[in-house]
């Protein structure tokens, strides 16, 4: 059984309810949710938005492969209102890298595997740059080490805080 760490977040609609529903569906379809962080509020990252994001980290025990986890998470996103085509239109209109969305579920870690395929990059490629992901992840997995860099989640967070100050 693998341990996968996910980050769920969003900034449109009833995000708190959407995160609760996402967690229930992850528990039913991906695997048992072993731990979850509190929900943390943050500014949009990579684009401008008046709506703030809420993010939550989850640790899940799963029998699914990484690609099956990705497929399940993307299906849950779609069921909860994520419309990637509309996001593409918004990104094209604004020139931004990202867009507002009701839910986004990212795979941060899958055991200690390093995966780089056309569809999936794990650990998440920009994890060390994203306080909005590291803060909730550190709450539940501060000592978890990045399999490529060897740095713990806590160390990555402290390094990012030092750079931001």
N, C-alpha and C. Protein backbone atom coordinates (compact mmCIF):
# COMPACT_ATOMS: atom_id res chain seq x y z
N UNK A 1 0.84 -1.18 0.00
CA UNK A 1 0.00 0.00 0.00
C UNK A 1 0.88 1.24 0.00
N UNK A 2 0.58 2.16 -0.88
CA UNK A 2 1.35 3.39 -1.01
C UNK A 2 0.74 4.50 -0.17
N UNK A 3 1.58 5.45 0.20
CA UNK A 3 1.12 6.68 0.86
C UNK A 3 1.26 7.81 -0.14
N UNK A 4 0.15 8.47 -0.39
CA UNK A 4 0.15 9.59 -1.32
C UNK A 4 -0.26 10.83 -0.54
N UNK A 5 0.44 11.93 -0.82
CA UNK A 5 0.11 13.21 -0.22
C UNK A 5 -0.50 14.08 -1.30
N UNK A 6 -1.69 14.59 -1.02
CA UNK A 6 -2.44 15.42 -1.97
C UNK A 6 -2.61 16.81 -1.40
N UNK A 7 -2.76 17.78 -2.28
CA UNK A 7 -3.15 19.13 -1.87
C UNK A 7 -4.44 19.44 -2.60
N UNK A 8 -5.48 19.74 -1.85
CA UNK A 8 -6.76 20.14 -2.43
C UNK A 8 -6.97 21.61 -2.11
N UNK A 9 -7.43 22.36 -3.11
CA UNK A 9 -7.66 23.78 -2.89
C UNK A 9 -8.59 24.35 -3.94
N UNK A 10 -9.04 25.56 -3.68
CA UNK A 10 -9.91 26.25 -4.62
C UNK A 10 -10.20 27.64 -4.12
N UNK A 11 -10.83 28.44 -5.02
CA UNK A 11 -11.15 29.81 -4.62
C UNK A 11 -12.48 30.32 -5.17
N UNK A 12 -13.31 29.45 -5.72
CA UNK A 12 -14.64 29.89 -6.17
C UNK A 12 -15.71 28.98 -5.59
N UNK A 13 -16.89 29.55 -5.41
CA UNK A 13 -17.99 28.78 -4.84
C UNK A 13 -17.82 28.58 -3.34
N UNK A 14 -18.50 27.59 -2.82
CA UNK A 14 -18.42 27.25 -1.39
C UNK A 14 -17.22 26.32 -1.20
N UNK A 15 -16.04 26.92 -1.13
CA UNK A 15 -14.80 26.14 -1.13
C UNK A 15 -14.72 25.20 0.07
N UNK A 16 -15.13 25.65 1.23
CA UNK A 16 -15.05 24.78 2.41
C UNK A 16 -15.89 23.52 2.21
N UNK A 17 -17.09 23.67 1.69
CA UNK A 17 -17.94 22.51 1.43
C UNK A 17 -17.34 21.64 0.31
N UNK A 18 -16.79 22.29 -0.72
CA UNK A 18 -16.17 21.55 -1.82
C UNK A 18 -14.99 20.72 -1.31
N UNK A 19 -14.17 21.30 -0.42
CA UNK A 19 -13.04 20.56 0.14
C UNK A 19 -13.52 19.37 0.98
N UNK A 20 -14.59 19.56 1.73
CA UNK A 20 -15.15 18.44 2.51
C UNK A 20 -15.62 17.32 1.59
N UNK A 21 -16.33 17.69 0.54
CA UNK A 21 -16.84 16.70 -0.41
C UNK A 21 -15.69 16.01 -1.13
N UNK A 22 -14.68 16.77 -1.51
CA UNK A 22 -13.50 16.18 -2.17
C UNK A 22 -12.84 15.16 -1.25
N UNK A 23 -12.69 15.50 0.01
CA UNK A 23 -12.08 14.57 0.97
C UNK A 23 -12.90 13.29 1.08
N UNK A 24 -14.21 13.40 1.13
CA UNK A 24 -15.07 12.21 1.20
C UNK A 24 -14.91 11.34 -0.05
N UNK A 25 -14.85 11.98 -1.20
CA UNK A 25 -14.71 11.22 -2.45
C UNK A 25 -13.32 10.61 -2.59
N UNK A 26 -12.31 11.31 -2.14
CA UNK A 26 -10.96 10.75 -2.13
C UNK A 26 -10.93 9.52 -1.24
N UNK A 27 -11.53 9.62 -0.07
CA UNK A 27 -11.59 8.50 0.87
C UNK A 27 -12.30 7.29 0.24
N UNK A 28 -13.33 7.54 -0.55
CA UNK A 28 -14.10 6.46 -1.16
C UNK A 28 -13.43 5.88 -2.40
N UNK A 29 -12.70 6.71 -3.15
CA UNK A 29 -12.20 6.26 -4.46
C UNK A 29 -10.69 6.09 -4.57
N UNK A 30 -9.96 6.85 -3.79
CA UNK A 30 -8.50 6.79 -3.88
C UNK A 30 -7.95 5.88 -2.79
N UNK A 31 -8.42 6.10 -1.56
CA UNK A 31 -7.97 5.30 -0.43
C UNK A 31 -8.30 6.01 0.86
N UNK A 32 -7.98 5.33 1.95
CA UNK A 32 -8.30 5.87 3.28
C UNK A 32 -7.50 7.13 3.56
N UNK A 33 -8.21 8.20 3.91
CA UNK A 33 -7.55 9.43 4.32
C UNK A 33 -7.05 9.22 5.75
N UNK A 34 -5.73 9.18 5.88
CA UNK A 34 -5.11 8.90 7.17
C UNK A 34 -4.97 10.16 8.03
N UNK A 35 -4.60 11.24 7.37
CA UNK A 35 -4.45 12.53 8.07
C UNK A 35 -4.83 13.64 7.12
N UNK A 36 -5.35 14.72 7.69
CA UNK A 36 -5.60 15.91 6.88
C UNK A 36 -5.25 17.13 7.71
N UNK A 37 -4.76 18.14 7.04
CA UNK A 37 -4.41 19.39 7.71
C UNK A 37 -5.66 20.23 7.92
N UNK A 38 -5.48 21.28 8.66
CA UNK A 38 -6.50 22.31 8.70
C UNK A 38 -6.57 22.94 7.32
N UNK A 39 -7.58 23.75 7.08
CA UNK A 39 -7.66 24.51 5.83
C UNK A 39 -6.93 25.83 6.05
N UNK A 40 -6.12 26.20 5.07
CA UNK A 40 -5.33 27.42 5.14
C UNK A 40 -5.73 28.35 4.00
N UNK A 41 -5.85 29.62 4.32
CA UNK A 41 -6.21 30.64 3.34
C UNK A 41 -4.94 31.28 2.79
N UNK A 42 -4.94 31.57 1.48
CA UNK A 42 -3.77 32.19 0.87
C UNK A 42 -4.19 33.03 -0.33
N UNK A 43 -3.26 33.86 -0.76
CA UNK A 43 -3.44 34.64 -1.99
C UNK A 43 -3.35 33.70 -3.18
N UNK A 44 -3.91 34.13 -4.30
CA UNK A 44 -3.73 33.38 -5.55
C UNK A 44 -2.24 33.37 -5.88
N UNK A 45 -1.79 32.31 -6.54
CA UNK A 45 -0.37 32.15 -6.89
C UNK A 45 -0.29 31.98 -8.40
N UNK A 46 0.50 32.83 -9.07
CA UNK A 46 0.67 32.72 -10.52
C UNK A 46 -0.35 33.52 -11.31
N UNK A 47 -1.26 34.20 -10.63
CA UNK A 47 -2.24 35.06 -11.29
C UNK A 47 -2.89 35.95 -10.24
N UNK A 48 -3.61 36.97 -10.69
CA UNK A 48 -4.31 37.87 -9.78
C UNK A 48 -5.76 37.45 -9.63
N UNK A 49 -6.23 37.47 -8.40
CA UNK A 49 -7.63 37.17 -8.12
C UNK A 49 -8.01 37.83 -6.81
N UNK A 50 -9.19 38.41 -6.78
CA UNK A 50 -9.69 38.96 -5.52
C UNK A 50 -10.11 37.85 -4.57
N UNK A 51 -10.52 36.73 -5.14
CA UNK A 51 -10.95 35.59 -4.31
C UNK A 51 -9.73 34.86 -3.78
N UNK A 52 -9.67 34.71 -2.47
CA UNK A 52 -8.55 34.00 -1.85
C UNK A 52 -8.76 32.49 -1.95
N UNK A 53 -7.67 31.77 -1.91
CA UNK A 53 -7.71 30.31 -1.96
C UNK A 53 -7.77 29.72 -0.56
N UNK A 54 -8.37 28.55 -0.48
CA UNK A 54 -8.31 27.70 0.70
C UNK A 54 -7.63 26.42 0.26
N UNK A 55 -6.66 25.95 1.05
CA UNK A 55 -5.91 24.74 0.71
C UNK A 55 -5.85 23.81 1.90
N UNK A 56 -5.79 22.51 1.61
CA UNK A 56 -5.74 21.48 2.65
C UNK A 56 -4.91 20.31 2.12
N UNK A 57 -3.99 19.82 2.95
CA UNK A 57 -3.17 18.66 2.59
C UNK A 57 -3.80 17.40 3.17
N UNK A 58 -3.70 16.31 2.41
CA UNK A 58 -4.25 15.01 2.82
C UNK A 58 -3.19 13.94 2.65
N UNK A 59 -3.11 13.04 3.60
CA UNK A 59 -2.29 11.83 3.45
C UNK A 59 -3.24 10.67 3.26
N UNK A 60 -3.04 9.92 2.19
CA UNK A 60 -3.97 8.86 1.80
C UNK A 60 -3.20 7.55 1.61
N UNK A 61 -3.72 6.48 2.18
CA UNK A 61 -3.18 5.14 1.93
C UNK A 61 -3.94 4.57 0.74
N UNK A 62 -3.22 4.15 -0.29
CA UNK A 62 -3.88 3.74 -1.53
C UNK A 62 -3.26 2.49 -2.12
N UNK A 63 -4.09 1.73 -2.81
CA UNK A 63 -3.63 0.60 -3.62
C UNK A 63 -3.54 0.99 -5.09
N UNK A 64 -3.91 2.24 -5.42
CA UNK A 64 -3.91 2.69 -6.80
C UNK A 64 -2.50 3.05 -7.26
N UNK A 65 -2.26 2.93 -8.55
CA UNK A 65 -1.01 3.42 -9.13
C UNK A 65 -1.06 4.94 -9.16
N UNK A 66 0.07 5.60 -9.37
CA UNK A 66 0.05 7.07 -9.46
C UNK A 66 -0.90 7.57 -10.55
N UNK A 67 -0.91 6.92 -11.70
CA UNK A 67 -1.79 7.35 -12.79
C UNK A 67 -3.26 7.14 -12.43
N UNK A 68 -3.56 6.07 -11.70
CA UNK A 68 -4.94 5.85 -11.26
C UNK A 68 -5.36 6.90 -10.22
N UNK A 69 -4.43 7.30 -9.36
CA UNK A 69 -4.72 8.39 -8.41
C UNK A 69 -5.02 9.66 -9.18
N UNK A 70 -4.20 9.97 -10.18
CA UNK A 70 -4.42 11.16 -11.01
C UNK A 70 -5.78 11.12 -11.68
N UNK A 71 -6.12 9.99 -12.28
CA UNK A 71 -7.42 9.86 -12.95
C UNK A 71 -8.57 10.06 -11.97
N UNK A 72 -8.47 9.45 -10.80
CA UNK A 72 -9.54 9.57 -9.79
C UNK A 72 -9.67 11.02 -9.32
N UNK A 73 -8.54 11.68 -9.08
CA UNK A 73 -8.58 13.07 -8.62
C UNK A 73 -9.15 14.00 -9.68
N UNK A 74 -8.78 13.78 -10.94
CA UNK A 74 -9.33 14.62 -12.01
C UNK A 74 -10.83 14.39 -12.19
N UNK A 75 -11.28 13.16 -12.02
CA UNK A 75 -12.73 12.88 -12.10
C UNK A 75 -13.46 13.60 -10.97
N UNK A 76 -12.89 13.58 -9.77
CA UNK A 76 -13.50 14.27 -8.62
C UNK A 76 -13.54 15.77 -8.88
N UNK A 77 -12.46 16.33 -9.40
CA UNK A 77 -12.45 17.76 -9.74
C UNK A 77 -13.58 18.10 -10.70
N UNK A 78 -13.72 17.32 -11.73
CA UNK A 78 -14.77 17.59 -12.73
C UNK A 78 -16.15 17.49 -12.11
N UNK A 79 -16.39 16.48 -11.29
CA UNK A 79 -17.69 16.32 -10.63
C UNK A 79 -18.01 17.51 -9.72
N UNK A 80 -16.97 18.11 -9.15
CA UNK A 80 -17.16 19.22 -8.21
C UNK A 80 -17.10 20.59 -8.90
N UNK A 81 -17.15 20.58 -10.24
CA UNK A 81 -17.33 21.83 -10.96
C UNK A 81 -16.10 22.39 -11.65
N UNK A 82 -14.99 21.69 -11.61
CA UNK A 82 -13.82 22.22 -12.32
C UNK A 82 -14.03 22.08 -13.81
N UNK A 83 -13.78 23.17 -14.53
CA UNK A 83 -13.95 23.20 -15.97
C UNK A 83 -12.63 23.67 -16.58
N UNK A 84 -11.81 22.73 -16.98
CA UNK A 84 -10.48 23.07 -17.50
C UNK A 84 -10.56 23.88 -18.79
N UNK A 85 -11.58 23.64 -19.62
CA UNK A 85 -11.72 24.40 -20.87
C UNK A 85 -11.98 25.87 -20.56
N UNK A 86 -12.84 26.16 -19.59
CA UNK A 86 -13.11 27.55 -19.19
C UNK A 86 -11.86 28.18 -18.60
N UNK A 87 -11.08 27.41 -17.85
CA UNK A 87 -9.83 27.94 -17.29
C UNK A 87 -8.86 28.31 -18.41
N UNK A 88 -8.81 27.51 -19.46
CA UNK A 88 -7.92 27.81 -20.59
C UNK A 88 -8.32 29.13 -21.25
N UNK A 89 -9.63 29.34 -21.39
CA UNK A 89 -10.12 30.59 -21.99
C UNK A 89 -9.73 31.77 -21.10
N UNK A 90 -9.93 31.63 -19.78
CA UNK A 90 -9.57 32.70 -18.86
C UNK A 90 -8.07 32.98 -18.89
N UNK A 91 -7.26 31.93 -18.91
CA UNK A 91 -5.81 32.11 -18.96
C UNK A 91 -5.38 32.79 -20.25
N UNK A 92 -5.98 32.41 -21.36
CA UNK A 92 -5.65 33.02 -22.64
C UNK A 92 -6.03 34.50 -22.65
N UNK A 93 -7.17 34.83 -22.06
CA UNK A 93 -7.64 36.22 -22.04
C UNK A 93 -6.77 37.10 -21.15
N UNK A 94 -6.26 36.54 -20.07
CA UNK A 94 -5.49 37.34 -19.11
C UNK A 94 -3.98 37.19 -19.27
N UNK A 95 -3.55 36.14 -19.96
CA UNK A 95 -2.12 35.88 -20.09
C UNK A 95 -1.52 35.28 -18.83
N UNK A 96 -2.36 34.86 -17.90
CA UNK A 96 -1.88 34.29 -16.64
C UNK A 96 -1.56 32.80 -16.80
N UNK A 97 -0.79 32.28 -15.87
CA UNK A 97 -0.45 30.86 -15.87
C UNK A 97 -1.58 30.00 -15.32
N UNK A 98 -2.37 30.57 -14.43
CA UNK A 98 -3.42 29.83 -13.75
C UNK A 98 -4.71 30.64 -13.75
N UNK A 99 -5.81 30.02 -13.31
CA UNK A 99 -7.10 30.68 -13.26
C UNK A 99 -7.85 30.27 -12.00
N UNK A 100 -8.85 31.04 -11.64
CA UNK A 100 -9.70 30.68 -10.52
C UNK A 100 -10.39 29.35 -10.80
N UNK A 101 -10.70 28.61 -9.72
CA UNK A 101 -11.34 27.30 -9.88
C UNK A 101 -11.97 26.87 -8.56
N UNK A 102 -13.02 26.06 -8.65
CA UNK A 102 -13.67 25.60 -7.43
C UNK A 102 -12.87 24.53 -6.69
N UNK A 103 -12.05 23.78 -7.44
CA UNK A 103 -11.27 22.70 -6.82
C UNK A 103 -10.07 22.37 -7.71
N UNK A 104 -9.00 22.06 -7.06
CA UNK A 104 -7.78 21.57 -7.71
C UNK A 104 -7.19 20.56 -6.75
N UNK A 105 -6.85 19.39 -7.25
CA UNK A 105 -6.24 18.36 -6.41
C UNK A 105 -4.92 17.97 -7.05
N UNK A 106 -3.83 18.25 -6.36
CA UNK A 106 -2.49 17.94 -6.86
C UNK A 106 -1.88 16.79 -6.06
N UNK A 107 -1.13 15.96 -6.76
CA UNK A 107 -0.34 14.91 -6.10
C UNK A 107 1.00 15.53 -5.75
N UNK A 108 1.29 15.64 -4.45
CA UNK A 108 2.55 16.22 -4.01
C UNK A 108 3.63 15.15 -3.91
N UNK A 109 3.31 14.02 -3.29
CA UNK A 109 4.22 12.89 -3.16
C UNK A 109 3.44 11.60 -3.38
N UNK A 110 4.10 10.61 -3.94
CA UNK A 110 3.56 9.25 -4.02
C UNK A 110 4.68 8.36 -3.48
N UNK A 111 4.52 7.90 -2.23
CA UNK A 111 5.59 7.20 -1.53
C UNK A 111 6.87 8.01 -1.69
N UNK A 112 7.97 7.35 -2.03
CA UNK A 112 9.22 8.06 -2.26
C UNK A 112 9.61 7.99 -3.73
N UNK A 113 8.61 7.88 -4.58
CA UNK A 113 8.85 7.74 -6.02
C UNK A 113 9.10 9.10 -6.67
N UNK A 114 9.91 9.06 -7.71
CA UNK A 114 10.11 10.20 -8.60
C UNK A 114 9.53 9.77 -9.93
N UNK A 115 8.51 10.50 -10.38
CA UNK A 115 7.78 10.15 -11.60
C UNK A 115 7.82 11.34 -12.53
N UNK A 116 8.17 11.10 -13.78
CA UNK A 116 8.17 12.16 -14.77
C UNK A 116 7.68 11.58 -16.09
N UNK A 117 6.39 11.78 -16.33
CA UNK A 117 5.79 11.33 -17.58
C UNK A 117 5.11 12.51 -18.24
N UNK A 118 4.53 12.28 -19.38
CA UNK A 118 3.81 13.34 -20.08
C UNK A 118 2.63 13.84 -19.25
N UNK A 119 2.01 12.97 -18.48
CA UNK A 119 0.81 13.31 -17.71
C UNK A 119 1.09 13.67 -16.26
N UNK A 120 2.22 13.25 -15.72
CA UNK A 120 2.38 13.32 -14.27
C UNK A 120 3.83 13.58 -13.88
N UNK A 121 4.00 14.52 -12.96
CA UNK A 121 5.32 14.79 -12.37
C UNK A 121 5.16 14.75 -10.86
N UNK A 122 5.85 13.82 -10.24
CA UNK A 122 5.80 13.64 -8.78
C UNK A 122 7.22 13.38 -8.30
N UNK A 123 7.65 14.02 -7.22
CA UNK A 123 6.98 15.02 -6.42
C UNK A 123 6.60 16.24 -7.28
N UNK A 124 5.63 16.98 -6.76
CA UNK A 124 5.16 18.15 -7.51
C UNK A 124 6.36 19.04 -7.83
N UNK A 125 6.53 19.41 -9.10
CA UNK A 125 7.76 20.10 -9.53
C UNK A 125 8.06 21.42 -8.84
N UNK A 126 7.07 22.18 -8.45
CA UNK A 126 7.32 23.49 -7.85
C UNK A 126 6.93 23.54 -6.37
N UNK A 127 6.93 22.39 -5.73
CA UNK A 127 6.51 22.32 -4.33
C UNK A 127 7.33 23.26 -3.45
N UNK A 128 8.65 23.27 -3.61
CA UNK A 128 9.52 24.07 -2.74
C UNK A 128 9.30 25.57 -2.89
N UNK A 129 8.58 26.01 -3.93
CA UNK A 129 8.31 27.43 -4.18
C UNK A 129 6.95 27.87 -3.65
N UNK A 130 6.17 26.95 -3.12
CA UNK A 130 4.77 27.24 -2.85
C UNK A 130 4.43 27.11 -1.37
N UNK A 131 4.44 28.24 -0.69
CA UNK A 131 4.08 28.24 0.73
C UNK A 131 2.66 27.74 0.93
N UNK A 132 1.76 28.05 0.00
CA UNK A 132 0.37 27.63 0.15
C UNK A 132 0.24 26.10 0.18
N UNK A 133 1.22 25.39 -0.37
CA UNK A 133 1.24 23.92 -0.31
C UNK A 133 2.07 23.43 0.87
N UNK A 134 3.20 24.06 1.11
CA UNK A 134 4.10 23.60 2.18
C UNK A 134 3.51 23.79 3.57
N UNK A 135 2.78 24.88 3.80
CA UNK A 135 2.24 25.13 5.14
C UNK A 135 1.28 24.02 5.57
N UNK A 136 0.24 23.69 4.78
CA UNK A 136 -0.62 22.59 5.22
C UNK A 136 0.09 21.24 5.21
N UNK A 137 0.99 21.03 4.25
CA UNK A 137 1.72 19.76 4.20
C UNK A 137 2.61 19.60 5.43
N UNK A 138 3.26 20.67 5.86
CA UNK A 138 4.13 20.61 7.05
C UNK A 138 3.34 20.25 8.30
N UNK A 139 2.07 20.62 8.34
CA UNK A 139 1.25 20.28 9.51
C UNK A 139 1.12 18.76 9.68
N UNK A 140 1.04 18.03 8.57
CA UNK A 140 0.83 16.58 8.66
C UNK A 140 2.05 15.75 8.31
N UNK A 141 3.08 16.37 7.69
CA UNK A 141 4.23 15.59 7.23
C UNK A 141 5.50 16.42 7.23
N UNK A 142 5.77 17.10 8.32
CA UNK A 142 6.92 18.00 8.39
C UNK A 142 8.24 17.28 8.10
N UNK A 143 8.36 16.04 8.54
CA UNK A 143 9.62 15.30 8.40
C UNK A 143 9.72 14.55 7.06
N UNK A 144 8.66 14.53 6.27
CA UNK A 144 8.67 13.83 4.98
C UNK A 144 9.77 14.41 4.10
N UNK A 145 10.60 13.55 3.55
CA UNK A 145 11.73 14.00 2.73
C UNK A 145 11.43 13.89 1.26
N UNK A 146 11.84 14.91 0.53
CA UNK A 146 11.72 14.93 -0.92
C UNK A 146 12.68 13.87 -1.46
N UNK A 147 12.20 12.92 -2.27
CA UNK A 147 13.07 11.83 -2.70
C UNK A 147 14.22 12.24 -3.62
N UNK A 148 14.12 13.39 -4.26
CA UNK A 148 15.20 13.83 -5.15
C UNK A 148 16.19 14.76 -4.44
N UNK A 149 15.69 15.66 -3.60
CA UNK A 149 16.58 16.64 -2.96
C UNK A 149 17.02 16.23 -1.56
N UNK A 150 16.25 15.35 -0.92
CA UNK A 150 16.57 14.93 0.44
C UNK A 150 16.12 15.91 1.51
N UNK A 151 15.60 17.08 1.10
CA UNK A 151 15.14 18.07 2.07
C UNK A 151 13.77 17.70 2.60
N UNK A 152 13.55 17.92 3.88
CA UNK A 152 12.25 17.65 4.46
C UNK A 152 11.27 18.76 4.10
N UNK A 153 10.00 18.47 4.26
CA UNK A 153 8.97 19.49 4.03
C UNK A 153 9.22 20.68 4.95
N UNK A 154 9.55 20.41 6.20
CA UNK A 154 9.84 21.49 7.14
C UNK A 154 11.03 22.33 6.71
N UNK A 155 12.08 21.68 6.20
CA UNK A 155 13.25 22.42 5.73
C UNK A 155 12.90 23.27 4.51
N UNK A 156 12.12 22.71 3.58
CA UNK A 156 11.71 23.49 2.41
C UNK A 156 10.91 24.71 2.83
N UNK A 157 10.02 24.55 3.80
CA UNK A 157 9.20 25.66 4.26
C UNK A 157 10.07 26.74 4.91
N UNK A 158 11.00 26.34 5.76
CA UNK A 158 11.87 27.32 6.43
C UNK A 158 12.73 28.05 5.41
N UNK A 159 13.25 27.33 4.41
CA UNK A 159 14.05 27.98 3.36
C UNK A 159 13.21 28.98 2.57
N UNK A 160 11.98 28.62 2.27
CA UNK A 160 11.10 29.53 1.52
C UNK A 160 10.78 30.76 2.35
N UNK A 161 10.51 30.59 3.63
CA UNK A 161 10.24 31.72 4.51
C UNK A 161 11.44 32.66 4.58
N UNK A 162 12.65 32.10 4.62
CA UNK A 162 13.86 32.92 4.68
C UNK A 162 14.03 33.74 3.41
N UNK A 163 13.70 33.15 2.25
CA UNK A 163 13.81 33.86 0.98
C UNK A 163 12.77 34.97 0.90
N UNK A 164 11.56 34.70 1.41
CA UNK A 164 10.47 35.69 1.34
C UNK A 164 10.71 36.86 2.27
N UNK A 165 11.50 36.69 3.32
CA UNK A 165 11.74 37.78 4.28
C UNK A 165 12.89 38.61 3.91
